[in-house]
Amino acid sequence: MDTIRYNVVSTQVKGDSMSKRTVVKLHPEVIIKARLKMGWSQTQLADAANLRRNEVSIFETQAKASPRVIKAIAETLGLEIDDLVEITPPE
């Protein structure tokens, strides 16, 4: 069974006494599947995306990535950013 990791980013809504949360889920399993389908190692993906290997590794293992890394990986693998990131705004 695959573990899906995600980060939660809290945001404060002005005028509201309660903190609301925007949930940002990163989907590293999509990257891993696409990378393996191409027969690439993390190093090969990093080279093709002009990233460091540890940036790819951190995304895949810890579900953490900057917008720059997400964009570079999506473009390199021919994916949409929406394939890699799911954002649920505060209610």
C-alpha atoms as a PDB file:
ATOM      1  CA  MET A   1       0.000   0.000   0.000  1.00  0.00           C
ATOM      2  CA  ASP A   2       1.443   3.388  -1.010  1.00  0.00           C
ATOM      3  CA  THR A   3       1.594   6.171   1.535  1.00  0.00           C
ATOM      4  CA  ILE A   4       0.456   9.535   0.248  1.00  0.00           C
ATOM      5  CA  ARG A   5       2.253  12.346   2.008  1.00  0.00           C
ATOM      6  CA  TYR A   6       1.031  15.905   2.105  1.00  0.00           C
ATOM      7  CA  ASN A   7       1.770  19.252   3.671  1.00  0.00           C
ATOM      8  CA  VAL A   8      -0.818  21.420   5.368  1.00  0.00           C
ATOM      9  CA  VAL A   9      -0.425  25.158   5.141  1.00  0.00           C
ATOM     10  CA  SER A  10      -2.418  27.246   7.616  1.00  0.00           C
ATOM     11  CA  THR A  11      -3.777  30.582   6.530  1.00  0.00           C
ATOM     12  CA  GLN A  12      -5.522  33.263   8.579  1.00  0.00           C
ATOM     13  CA  VAL A  13      -8.668  34.693   7.050  1.00  0.00           C
ATOM     14  CA  LYS A  14      -8.941  38.424   7.882  1.00  0.00           C
ATOM     15  CA  GLY A  15     -11.792  39.363  10.142  1.00  0.00           C
ATOM     16  CA  ASP A  16     -12.275  35.767  11.227  1.00  0.00           C
ATOM     17  CA  SER A  17     -11.311  34.833  14.763  1.00  0.00           C
ATOM     18  CA  MET A  18     -10.588  31.241  13.772  1.00  0.00           C
ATOM     19  CA  SER A  19      -7.667  30.108  11.693  1.00  0.00           C
ATOM     20  CA  LYS A  20      -8.784  28.384   8.510  1.00  0.00           C
ATOM     21  CA  ARG A  21      -6.595  25.927   6.676  1.00  0.00           C
ATOM     22  CA  THR A  22      -5.652  25.593   3.065  1.00  0.00           C
ATOM     23  CA  VAL A  23      -4.641  22.019   2.441  1.00  0.00           C
ATOM     24  CA  VAL A  24      -1.904  21.514  -0.144  1.00  0.00           C
ATOM     25  CA  LYS A  25      -1.342  17.889  -1.096  1.00  0.00           C
ATOM     26  CA  LEU A  26       1.628  16.932  -3.219  1.00  0.00           C
ATOM     27  CA  HIS A  27       1.393  13.660  -5.138  1.00  0.00           C
ATOM     28  CA  PRO A  28       4.892  12.158  -5.324  1.00  0.00           C
ATOM     29  CA  GLU A  29       3.489   8.845  -6.557  1.00  0.00           C
ATOM     30  CA  VAL A  30       2.631  10.546  -9.868  1.00  0.00           C
ATOM     31  CA  ILE A  31       6.242  11.635 -10.338  1.00  0.00           C
ATOM     32  CA  ILE A  32       7.636   8.249  -9.389  1.00  0.00           C
ATOM     33  CA  LYS A  33       5.324   6.450 -11.813  1.00  0.00           C
ATOM     34  CA  ALA A  34       6.105   8.842 -14.698  1.00  0.00           C
ATOM     35  CA  ARG A  35       9.848   8.760 -13.975  1.00  0.00           C
ATOM     36  CA  LEU A  36       9.966   4.972 -13.878  1.00  0.00           C
ATOM     37  CA  LYS A  37       7.862   4.734 -17.049  1.00  0.00           C
ATOM     38  CA  MET A  38      10.585   6.752 -18.790  1.00  0.00           C
ATOM     39  CA  GLY A  39      13.233   4.447 -17.313  1.00  0.00           C
ATOM     40  CA  TRP A  40      14.872   7.333 -15.470  1.00  0.00           C
ATOM     41  CA  SER A  41      16.639   7.432 -12.130  1.00  0.00           C
ATOM     42  CA  GLN A  42      16.162  10.404  -9.807  1.00  0.00           C
ATOM     43  CA  THR A  43      19.513  11.706 -11.045  1.00  0.00           C
ATOM     44  CA  GLN A  44      18.427  11.488 -14.691  1.00  0.00           C
ATOM     45  CA  LEU A  45      15.174  13.334 -13.924  1.00  0.00           C
ATOM     46  CA  ALA A  46      17.067  15.971 -11.967  1.00  0.00           C
ATOM     47  CA  ASP A  47      19.529  16.473 -14.842  1.00  0.00           C
ATOM     48  CA  ALA A  48      16.725  16.738 -17.414  1.00  0.00           C
ATOM     49  CA  ALA A  49      14.800  19.203 -15.214  1.00  0.00           C
ATOM     50  CA  ASN A  50      17.921  21.212 -14.342  1.00  0.00           C
ATOM     51  CA  LEU A  51      17.488  20.406 -10.635  1.00  0.00           C
ATOM     52  CA  ARG A  52      19.611  18.822  -7.929  1.00  0.00           C
ATOM     53  CA  ARG A  53      18.976  15.130  -7.281  1.00  0.00           C
ATOM     54  CA  ASN A  54      18.104  15.845  -3.661  1.00  0.00           C
ATOM     55  CA  GLU A  55      15.257  18.128  -4.793  1.00  0.00           C
ATOM     56  CA  VAL A  56      13.712  15.214  -6.678  1.00  0.00           C
ATOM     57  CA  SER A  57      14.374  12.866  -3.767  1.00  0.00           C
ATOM     58  CA  ILE A  58      12.773  15.194  -1.208  1.00  0.00           C
ATOM     59  CA  PHE A  59       9.667  15.553  -3.381  1.00  0.00           C
ATOM     60  CA  GLU A  60       9.382  11.789  -3.818  1.00  0.00           C
ATOM     61  CA  THR A  61      10.112  10.779  -0.217  1.00  0.00           C
ATOM     62  CA  GLN A  62       8.890  13.696   1.887  1.00  0.00           C
ATOM     63  CA  ALA A  63       6.284  15.308  -0.405  1.00  0.00           C
ATOM     64  CA  LYS A  64       8.015  18.672  -0.076  1.00  0.00           C
ATOM     65  CA  ALA A  65       8.870  20.901  -3.013  1.00  0.00           C
ATOM     66  CA  SER A  66       9.043  24.544  -3.963  1.00  0.00           C
ATOM     67  CA  PRO A  67       6.899  25.892  -6.800  1.00  0.00           C
ATOM     68  CA  ARG A  68      10.072  26.041  -8.953  1.00  0.00           C
ATOM     69  CA  VAL A  69      10.745  22.326  -8.425  1.00  0.00           C
ATOM     70  CA  ILE A  70       7.117  21.356  -9.040  1.00  0.00           C
ATOM     71  CA  LYS A  71       7.043  23.330 -12.299  1.00  0.00           C
ATOM     72  CA  ALA A  72      10.373  21.950 -13.543  1.00  0.00           C
ATOM     73  CA  ILE A  73       9.397  18.352 -12.842  1.00  0.00           C
ATOM     74  CA  ALA A  74       5.945  18.722 -14.385  1.00  0.00           C
ATOM     75  CA  GLU A  75       7.371  20.273 -17.563  1.00  0.00           C
ATOM     76  CA  THR A  76      10.122  17.669 -17.859  1.00  0.00           C
ATOM     77  CA  LEU A  77       7.752  14.733 -17.427  1.00  0.00           C
ATOM     78  CA  GLY A  78       5.035  16.261 -19.635  1.00  0.00           C
ATOM     79  CA  LEU A  79       2.598  16.534 -16.737  1.00  0.00           C
ATOM     80  CA  GLU A  80       0.266  19.286 -15.627  1.00  0.00           C
ATOM     81  CA  ILE A  81       0.956  20.967 -12.306  1.00  0.00           C
ATOM     82  CA  ASP A  82      -2.557  19.918 -11.269  1.00  0.00           C
ATOM     83  CA  ASP A  83      -1.387  16.300 -11.628  1.00  0.00           C
ATOM     84  CA  LEU A  84       1.193  16.911  -8.891  1.00  0.00           C
ATOM     85  CA  VAL A  85      -0.582  19.343  -6.556  1.00  0.00           C
ATOM     86  CA  GLU A  86      -4.050  19.365  -5.051  1.00  0.00           C
ATOM     87  CA  ILE A  87      -5.145  22.529  -3.241  1.00  0.00           C
ATOM     88  CA  THR A  88      -8.213  22.695  -1.051  1.00  0.00           C
ATOM     89  CA  PRO A  89      -8.946  26.309  -0.046  1.00  0.00           C
ATOM     90  CA  PRO A  90     -10.373  27.216   3.354  1.00  0.00           C
ATOM     91  CA  GLU A  91     -14.112  26.965   3.663  1.00  0.00           C
END
